[in-house]
Amino acid sequence: MSKQLTSQQGALFLEYQEKWRKIALSTEPIDKEKAKVAVKSAYTLIGEPQPEVLIFDSPYAAGLALDKLLYETGFSELKYNDMLDRLWDKLFTYLTHAPEDKEDPKLWHLTHHIHDLVTSHMWELDSSFGIGNIYIPEEFEAGNVQPDTACCEANWFDFCISELNYQHDSNHWEIYEAILKNCGWIASYQEVCIVCERPCKILFDNQFNLHAEGEAAIEFIDGFKLYAHHGVRFEPD
């Protein structure tokens, strides 16, 4: 197969890119039952016992709960790697001979920047209260695979599978797709899997930087929010 897409294929790929941008930046509440089914199916696929799935209204709420849960009961790390990384690694092997890499750089920039700003704001909130009772999973940090960041490459997976007829494990792809469509941020352990709600608001400028005038640039349903001006976080007066 040619290493380059035809002009017609390139135009069609842009439709897939837009589809997955909308999924990554959706502000619709997650369907909790679909999220639980997707997570449990994913654990089965990677050979792990099904966990208890705990859903929180924001990453901040999840961090507060995790600190208490880890202190009271403790959780074991998944073998080898976290759940999303293992799903991604297995799926990517089907596309090693794809014609070219089509990651969405603008979406990658925005989603990773969101993770960076949100987690730094979580740390600062905890420090300002002087209570030290938050645990931020490594998976929440920028640079890790999460449902929103994974959409940067899911567009390419989807295109290669749907339009170029690439060989793949259909069950594996359906489970991975269900995770990305139905879950916010995830922290996976042997005993439990933490799933966060999506933001109820995400605002950004034409350079794909978090940005809003006179309101929060990103906000969750429990009121956790942050303000940003062209990608730079600030505290309002």
C-alpha atoms as a PDB file:
ATOM      1  CA  MET A   1       0.000   0.000   0.000  1.00  0.00           C
ATOM      2  CA  SER A   2       1.206   3.522  -0.749  1.00  0.00           C
ATOM      3  CA  LYS A   3       2.733   5.423   2.159  1.00  0.00           C
ATOM      4  CA  GLN A   4       0.650   8.473   1.252  1.00  0.00           C
ATOM      5  CA  LEU A   5      -3.097   8.927   1.204  1.00  0.00           C
ATOM      6  CA  THR A   6      -4.775   9.981  -2.006  1.00  0.00           C
ATOM      7  CA  SER A   7      -6.356  13.432  -2.028  1.00  0.00           C
ATOM      8  CA  GLN A   8      -9.781  11.805  -1.705  1.00  0.00           C
ATOM      9  CA  GLN A   9      -8.650   9.692   1.252  1.00  0.00           C
ATOM     10  CA  GLY A  10      -7.044  12.739   2.852  1.00  0.00           C
ATOM     11  CA  ALA A  11     -10.300  14.677   2.630  1.00  0.00           C
ATOM     12  CA  LEU A  12     -12.203  11.746   4.109  1.00  0.00           C
ATOM     13  CA  PHE A  13      -9.705  11.449   6.951  1.00  0.00           C
ATOM     14  CA  LEU A  14     -10.469  15.034   7.986  1.00  0.00           C
ATOM     15  CA  GLU A  15     -14.026  13.894   8.706  1.00  0.00           C
ATOM     16  CA  TYR A  16     -12.679  11.232  11.069  1.00  0.00           C
ATOM     17  CA  GLN A  17     -10.428  13.818  12.675  1.00  0.00           C
ATOM     18  CA  GLU A  18     -13.405  16.066  13.359  1.00  0.00           C
ATOM     19  CA  LYS A  19     -15.439  13.132  14.687  1.00  0.00           C
ATOM     20  CA  TRP A  20     -12.779  12.269  17.255  1.00  0.00           C
ATOM     21  CA  ARG A  21     -12.152  15.877  18.231  1.00  0.00           C
ATOM     22  CA  LYS A  22     -15.827  16.100  19.173  1.00  0.00           C
ATOM     23  CA  ILE A  23     -15.532  12.936  21.252  1.00  0.00           C
ATOM     24  CA  ALA A  24     -12.365  14.131  23.007  1.00  0.00           C
ATOM     25  CA  LEU A  25     -13.831  17.541  23.823  1.00  0.00           C
ATOM     26  CA  SER A  26     -17.383  16.440  24.582  1.00  0.00           C
ATOM     27  CA  THR A  27     -19.008  18.151  27.551  1.00  0.00           C
ATOM     28  CA  GLU A  28     -21.936  15.738  27.704  1.00  0.00           C
ATOM     29  CA  PRO A  29     -22.272  13.746  30.954  1.00  0.00           C
ATOM     30  CA  ILE A  30     -20.966  10.221  30.657  1.00  0.00           C
ATOM     31  CA  ASP A  31     -23.381   7.304  30.591  1.00  0.00           C
ATOM     32  CA  LYS A  32     -22.344   5.642  33.851  1.00  0.00           C
ATOM     33  CA  GLU A  33     -23.669   2.198  32.972  1.00  0.00           C
ATOM     34  CA  LYS A  34     -21.927   2.196  29.594  1.00  0.00           C
ATOM     35  CA  ALA A  35     -18.728   3.367  31.288  1.00  0.00           C
ATOM     36  CA  LYS A  36     -18.866   0.498  33.782  1.00  0.00           C
ATOM     37  CA  VAL A  37     -19.535  -2.084  31.071  1.00  0.00           C
ATOM     38  CA  ALA A  38     -16.672  -0.735  28.935  1.00  0.00           C
ATOM     39  CA  VAL A  39     -14.194  -0.778  31.833  1.00  0.00           C
ATOM     40  CA  LYS A  40     -15.106  -4.296  32.944  1.00  0.00           C
ATOM     41  CA  SER A  41     -14.883  -5.551  29.347  1.00  0.00           C
ATOM     42  CA  ALA A  42     -11.457  -3.942  29.031  1.00  0.00           C
ATOM     43  CA  TYR A  43     -10.198  -5.641  32.197  1.00  0.00           C
ATOM     44  CA  THR A  44     -11.393  -8.995  30.890  1.00  0.00           C
ATOM     45  CA  LEU A  45      -9.647  -8.353  27.568  1.00  0.00           C
ATOM     46  CA  ILE A  46      -6.278  -7.709  29.242  1.00  0.00           C
ATOM     47  CA  GLY A  47      -6.661 -10.726  31.516  1.00  0.00           C
ATOM     48  CA  GLU A  48      -7.454  -8.938  34.773  1.00  0.00           C
ATOM     49  CA  PRO A  49     -10.312  -9.702  37.201  1.00  0.00           C
ATOM     50  CA  GLN A  50     -13.214  -7.293  36.867  1.00  0.00           C
ATOM     51  CA  PRO A  51     -12.813  -4.357  39.260  1.00  0.00           C
ATOM     52  CA  GLU A  52     -15.259  -2.249  41.187  1.00  0.00           C
ATOM     53  CA  VAL A  53     -15.834   0.848  39.034  1.00  0.00           C
ATOM     54  CA  LEU A  54     -16.046   4.103  41.000  1.00  0.00           C
ATOM     55  CA  ILE A  55     -17.245   7.226  39.182  1.00  0.00           C
ATOM     56  CA  PHE A  56     -16.488  10.750  40.415  1.00  0.00           C
ATOM     57  CA  ASP A  57     -17.720  14.170  39.327  1.00  0.00           C
ATOM     58  CA  SER A  58     -14.228  15.536  38.602  1.00  0.00           C
ATOM     59  CA  PRO A  59     -10.549  14.590  38.759  1.00  0.00           C
ATOM     60  CA  TYR A  60     -10.327  16.686  41.934  1.00  0.00           C
ATOM     61  CA  ALA A  61     -13.126  14.699  43.588  1.00  0.00           C
ATOM     62  CA  ALA A  62     -11.403  11.490  42.495  1.00  0.00           C
ATOM     63  CA  GLY A  63      -8.094  12.665  43.976  1.00  0.00           C
ATOM     64  CA  LEU A  64      -9.696  13.449  47.334  1.00  0.00           C
ATOM     65  CA  ALA A  65     -11.451  10.075  47.427  1.00  0.00           C
ATOM     66  CA  LEU A  66      -8.340   8.184  46.326  1.00  0.00           C
ATOM     67  CA  ASP A  67      -6.261   9.629  49.144  1.00  0.00           C
ATOM     68  CA  LYS A  68      -8.744   8.266  51.672  1.00  0.00           C
ATOM     69  CA  LEU A  69      -9.272   4.950  49.886  1.00  0.00           C
ATOM     70  CA  LEU A  70      -5.555   4.278  49.517  1.00  0.00           C
ATOM     71  CA  TYR A  71      -5.009   5.020  53.203  1.00  0.00           C
ATOM     72  CA  GLU A  72      -7.902   2.840  54.360  1.00  0.00           C
ATOM     73  CA  THR A  73      -7.668  -0.140  52.024  1.00  0.00           C
ATOM     74  CA  GLY A  74      -4.767   0.249  49.595  1.00  0.00           C
ATOM     75  CA  PHE A  75      -4.869  -0.762  45.959  1.00  0.00           C
ATOM     76  CA  SER A  76      -2.544  -2.947  43.936  1.00  0.00           C
ATOM     77  CA  GLU A  77      -1.065  -1.723  40.664  1.00  0.00           C
ATOM     78  CA  LEU A  78      -2.085  -3.594  37.538  1.00  0.00           C
ATOM     79  CA  LYS A  79       0.501  -6.014  36.223  1.00  0.00           C
ATOM     80  CA  TYR A  80       2.803  -4.641  33.517  1.00  0.00           C
ATOM     81  CA  ASN A  81       1.050  -1.325  32.894  1.00  0.00           C
ATOM     82  CA  ASP A  82      -2.229   0.506  33.339  1.00  0.00           C
ATOM     83  CA  MET A  83      -5.333  -0.616  31.494  1.00  0.00           C
ATOM     84  CA  LEU A  84      -5.469   2.016  28.738  1.00  0.00           C
ATOM     85  CA  ASP A  85      -1.771   1.649  27.874  1.00  0.00           C
ATOM     86  CA  ARG A  86      -2.171  -2.085  27.489  1.00  0.00           C
ATOM     87  CA  LEU A  87      -5.229  -1.716  25.283  1.00  0.00           C
ATOM     88  CA  TRP A  88      -3.456   0.872  23.125  1.00  0.00           C
ATOM     89  CA  ASP A  89      -0.283  -1.220  22.751  1.00  0.00           C
ATOM     90  CA  LYS A  90      -2.213  -4.254  21.561  1.00  0.00           C
ATOM     91  CA  LEU A  91      -4.315  -2.249  19.139  1.00  0.00           C
ATOM     92  CA  PHE A  92      -1.348  -0.336  17.709  1.00  0.00           C
ATOM     93  CA  THR A  93       0.312  -3.560  16.550  1.00  0.00           C
ATOM     94  CA  TYR A  94      -2.399  -3.878  13.893  1.00  0.00           C
ATOM     95  CA  LEU A  95      -1.389  -0.542  12.370  1.00  0.00           C
ATOM     96  CA  THR A  96       2.388  -0.900  12.208  1.00  0.00           C
ATOM     97  CA  HIS A  97       2.201  -0.945   8.408  1.00  0.00           C
ATOM     98  CA  ALA A  98      -0.307   1.880   8.048  1.00  0.00           C
ATOM     99  CA  PRO A  99       0.530   4.301   5.222  1.00  0.00           C
ATOM    100  CA  GLU A 100       1.502   7.218   7.486  1.00  0.00           C
ATOM    101  CA  ASP A 101       1.040   8.566  10.985  1.00  0.00           C
ATOM    102  CA  LYS A 102      -1.968  10.849  11.257  1.00  0.00           C
ATOM    103  CA  GLU A 103      -2.003  11.926  14.892  1.00  0.00           C
ATOM    104  CA  ASP A 104      -4.000  15.131  15.444  1.00  0.00           C
ATOM    105  CA  PRO A 105      -1.350  17.590  16.742  1.00  0.00           C
ATOM    106  CA  LYS A 106      -3.804  20.344  17.695  1.00  0.00           C
ATOM    107  CA  LEU A 107      -5.949  17.979  19.732  1.00  0.00           C
ATOM    108  CA  TRP A 108      -2.828  16.430  21.271  1.00  0.00           C
ATOM    109  CA  HIS A 109      -1.647  19.885  22.358  1.00  0.00           C
ATOM    110  CA  LEU A 110      -4.986  20.862  23.880  1.00  0.00           C
ATOM    111  CA  THR A 111      -5.724  17.617  25.719  1.00  0.00           C
ATOM    112  CA  HIS A 112      -2.235  17.329  27.195  1.00  0.00           C
ATOM    113  CA  HIS A 113      -2.313  20.989  28.171  1.00  0.00           C
ATOM    114  CA  ILE A 114      -5.647  20.413  29.917  1.00  0.00           C
ATOM    115  CA  HIS A 115      -4.092  17.586  31.939  1.00  0.00           C
ATOM    116  CA  ASP A 116      -1.120  19.759  32.851  1.00  0.00           C
ATOM    117  CA  LEU A 117      -3.240  22.719  33.983  1.00  0.00           C
ATOM    118  CA  VAL A 118      -5.854  20.655  35.817  1.00  0.00           C
ATOM    119  CA  THR A 119      -3.363  18.572  37.803  1.00  0.00           C
ATOM    120  CA  SER A 120      -1.255  21.610  38.722  1.00  0.00           C
ATOM    121  CA  HIS A 121      -4.424  23.376  39.885  1.00  0.00           C
ATOM    122  CA  MET A 122      -5.343  20.334  41.980  1.00  0.00           C
ATOM    123  CA  TRP A 123      -1.955  20.441  43.719  1.00  0.00           C
ATOM    124  CA  GLU A 124      -2.235  24.165  44.335  1.00  0.00           C
ATOM    125  CA  LEU A 125      -5.739  23.879  45.778  1.00  0.00           C
ATOM    126  CA  ASP A 126      -4.565  21.194  48.153  1.00  0.00           C
ATOM    127  CA  SER A 127      -1.540  23.261  49.202  1.00  0.00           C
ATOM    128  CA  SER A 128      -3.574  26.435  49.692  1.00  0.00           C
ATOM    129  CA  PHE A 129      -5.939  24.621  52.048  1.00  0.00           C
ATOM    130  CA  GLY A 130      -2.955  23.196  53.905  1.00  0.00           C
ATOM    131  CA  ILE A 131      -4.619  19.831  54.293  1.00  0.00           C
ATOM    132  CA  GLY A 132      -2.495  17.524  52.139  1.00  0.00           C
ATOM    133  CA  ASN A 133      -5.301  15.076  51.503  1.00  0.00           C
ATOM    134  CA  ILE A 134      -5.248  14.570  47.772  1.00  0.00           C
ATOM    135  CA  TYR A 135      -3.710  11.799  45.701  1.00  0.00           C
ATOM    136  CA  ILE A 136      -3.184  12.487  42.010  1.00  0.00           C
ATOM    137  CA  PRO A 137      -2.640   9.303  39.989  1.00  0.00           C
ATOM    138  CA  GLU A 138       0.264   9.346  37.567  1.00  0.00           C
ATOM    139  CA  GLU A 139      -2.218   8.566  34.784  1.00  0.00           C
ATOM    140  CA  PHE A 140      -3.806  11.999  35.257  1.00  0.00           C
ATOM    141  CA  GLU A 141      -0.538  13.798  34.487  1.00  0.00           C
ATOM    142  CA  ALA A 142       0.194  15.175  31.016  1.00  0.00           C
ATOM    143  CA  GLY A 143       1.913  12.691  28.717  1.00  0.00           C
ATOM    144  CA  ASN A 144      -0.130   9.656  29.739  1.00  0.00           C
ATOM    145  CA  VAL A 145      -2.812   7.843  27.765  1.00  0.00           C
ATOM    146  CA  GLN A 146      -6.333   8.933  28.744  1.00  0.00           C
ATOM    147  CA  PRO A 147      -9.621   8.741  26.810  1.00  0.00           C
ATOM    148  CA  ASP A 148      -9.324  12.358  25.641  1.00  0.00           C
ATOM    149  CA  THR A 149      -5.630  12.188  24.693  1.00  0.00           C
ATOM    150  CA  ALA A 150      -6.107   8.799  23.007  1.00  0.00           C
ATOM    151  CA  CYS A 151      -8.589  10.356  20.579  1.00  0.00           C
ATOM    152  CA  CYS A 152      -5.582  12.017  18.910  1.00  0.00           C
ATOM    153  CA  GLU A 153      -4.716   8.620  17.438  1.00  0.00           C
ATOM    154  CA  ALA A 154      -8.091   6.893  17.584  1.00  0.00           C
ATOM    155  CA  ASN A 155      -9.052   8.944  14.531  1.00  0.00           C
ATOM    156  CA  TRP A 156      -6.313   7.135  12.614  1.00  0.00           C
ATOM    157  CA  PHE A 157      -7.262   3.732  14.002  1.00  0.00           C
ATOM    158  CA  ASP A 158     -10.877   4.348  13.035  1.00  0.00           C
ATOM    159  CA  PHE A 159      -9.967   5.526   9.535  1.00  0.00           C
ATOM    160  CA  CYS A 160      -7.605   2.619   8.827  1.00  0.00           C
ATOM    161  CA  ILE A 161     -10.119   0.079  10.089  1.00  0.00           C
ATOM    162  CA  SER A 162     -13.229   1.589   8.504  1.00  0.00           C
ATOM    163  CA  GLU A 163     -11.884   2.966   5.214  1.00  0.00           C
ATOM    164  CA  LEU A 164      -8.646   1.075   4.499  1.00  0.00           C
ATOM    165  CA  ASN A 165      -9.977  -2.275   5.769  1.00  0.00           C
ATOM    166  CA  TYR A 166      -7.021  -2.945   8.035  1.00  0.00           C
ATOM    167  CA  GLN A 167      -6.975  -6.305   9.761  1.00  0.00           C
ATOM    168  CA  HIS A 168      -7.853  -5.951  13.424  1.00  0.00           C
ATOM    169  CA  ASP A 169      -9.527  -7.645  16.358  1.00  0.00           C
ATOM    170  CA  SER A 170     -13.045  -6.223  16.163  1.00  0.00           C
ATOM    171  CA  ASN A 171     -13.838  -6.991  19.812  1.00  0.00           C
ATOM    172  CA  HIS A 172     -10.662  -5.227  20.923  1.00  0.00           C
ATOM    173  CA  TRP A 173     -11.423  -2.154  18.832  1.00  0.00           C
ATOM    174  CA  GLU A 174     -15.044  -2.000  20.027  1.00  0.00           C
ATOM    175  CA  ILE A 175     -13.977  -2.111  23.686  1.00  0.00           C
ATOM    176  CA  TYR A 176     -11.287   0.526  23.170  1.00  0.00           C
ATOM    177  CA  GLU A 177     -13.755   2.732  21.291  1.00  0.00           C
ATOM    178  CA  ALA A 178     -16.337   2.294  24.082  1.00  0.00           C
ATOM    179  CA  ILE A 179     -13.798   3.416  26.700  1.00  0.00           C
ATOM    180  CA  LEU A 180     -12.955   6.559  24.718  1.00  0.00           C
ATOM    181  CA  LYS A 181     -16.592   7.419  24.051  1.00  0.00           C
ATOM    182  CA  ASN A 182     -17.976   6.715  27.523  1.00  0.00           C
ATOM    183  CA  CYS A 183     -15.298   7.613  30.066  1.00  0.00           C
ATOM    184  CA  GLY A 184     -13.547  10.693  31.339  1.00  0.00           C
ATOM    185  CA  TRP A 185     -10.142  10.396  32.991  1.00  0.00           C
ATOM    186  CA  ILE A 186      -9.277   6.925  34.306  1.00  0.00           C
ATOM    187  CA  ALA A 187      -7.004   5.523  37.020  1.00  0.00           C
ATOM    188  CA  SER A 188      -6.841   1.731  36.939  1.00  0.00           C
ATOM    189  CA  TYR A 189      -5.881  -0.636  39.754  1.00  0.00           C
ATOM    190  CA  GLN A 190      -6.391  -4.345  40.341  1.00  0.00           C
ATOM    191  CA  GLU A 191      -9.255  -3.914  42.781  1.00  0.00           C
ATOM    192  CA  VAL A 192     -10.922  -0.759  41.472  1.00  0.00           C
ATOM    193  CA  CYS A 193     -11.020   1.457  38.419  1.00  0.00           C
ATOM    194  CA  ILE A 194     -11.567   5.173  38.945  1.00  0.00           C
ATOM    195  CA  VAL A 195     -13.545   6.955  36.215  1.00  0.00           C
ATOM    196  CA  CYS A 196     -14.119  10.718  36.166  1.00  0.00           C
ATOM    197  CA  GLU A 197     -16.943  12.692  34.639  1.00  0.00           C
ATOM    198  CA  ARG A 198     -16.126  14.813  31.620  1.00  0.00           C
ATOM    199  CA  PRO A 199     -15.894  18.587  32.035  1.00  0.00           C
ATOM    200  CA  CYS A 200     -19.263  20.282  31.604  1.00  0.00           C
ATOM    201  CA  LYS A 201     -17.459  23.189  29.924  1.00  0.00           C
ATOM    202  CA  ILE A 202     -14.275  23.515  27.861  1.00  0.00           C
ATOM    203  CA  LEU A 203     -13.450  26.813  26.146  1.00  0.00           C
ATOM    204  CA  PHE A 204     -10.396  27.452  23.987  1.00  0.00           C
ATOM    205  CA  ASP A 205      -9.056  29.948  21.476  1.00  0.00           C
ATOM    206  CA  ASN A 206      -8.379  29.410  17.767  1.00  0.00           C
ATOM    207  CA  GLN A 207      -4.881  28.152  18.602  1.00  0.00           C
ATOM    208  CA  PHE A 208      -6.370  25.331  20.710  1.00  0.00           C
ATOM    209  CA  ASN A 209      -5.252  26.897  23.998  1.00  0.00           C
ATOM    210  CA  LEU A 210      -7.603  26.881  26.986  1.00  0.00           C
ATOM    211  CA  HIS A 211      -9.071  30.369  27.057  1.00  0.00           C
ATOM    212  CA  ALA A 212     -12.121  32.249  28.305  1.00  0.00           C
ATOM    213  CA  GLU A 213     -12.984  35.856  29.048  1.00  0.00           C
ATOM    214  CA  GLY A 214     -14.811  36.508  32.320  1.00  0.00           C
ATOM    215  CA  GLU A 215     -15.578  32.851  33.060  1.00  0.00           C
ATOM    216  CA  ALA A 216     -13.852  29.559  33.739  1.00  0.00           C
ATOM    217  CA  ALA A 217     -12.123  27.935  30.766  1.00  0.00           C
ATOM    218  CA  ILE A 218     -12.820  24.448  32.072  1.00  0.00           C
ATOM    219  CA  GLU A 219     -15.388  23.378  34.649  1.00  0.00           C
ATOM    220  CA  PHE A 220     -16.781  20.142  36.087  1.00  0.00           C
ATOM    221  CA  ILE A 221     -20.261  19.463  37.436  1.00  0.00           C
ATOM    222  CA  ASP A 222     -19.116  19.592  41.078  1.00  0.00           C
ATOM    223  CA  GLY A 223     -17.835  23.157  40.629  1.00  0.00           C
ATOM    224  CA  PHE A 224     -14.144  22.317  40.233  1.00  0.00           C
ATOM    225  CA  LYS A 225     -12.880  24.771  37.613  1.00  0.00           C
ATOM    226  CA  LEU A 226      -9.941  26.793  36.437  1.00  0.00           C
ATOM    227  CA  TYR A 227      -9.399  30.008  34.544  1.00  0.00           C
ATOM    228  CA  ALA A 228      -7.022  30.426  31.625  1.00  0.00           C
ATOM    229  CA  HIS A 229      -6.066  33.202  29.235  1.00  0.00           C
ATOM    230  CA  HIS A 230      -4.672  31.890  25.942  1.00  0.00           C
ATOM    231  CA  GLY A 231      -3.339  28.791  27.664  1.00  0.00           C
ATOM    232  CA  VAL A 232      -1.980  30.469  30.801  1.00  0.00           C
ATOM    233  CA  ARG A 233      -3.792  29.576  34.006  1.00  0.00           C
ATOM    234  CA  PHE A 234      -4.607  32.375  36.432  1.00  0.00           C
ATOM    235  CA  GLU A 235      -6.685  32.983  39.547  1.00  0.00           C
ATOM    236  CA  PRO A 236      -9.519  35.495  39.104  1.00  0.00           C
ATOM    237  CA  ASP A 237      -9.678  38.566  41.342  1.00  0.00           C
END
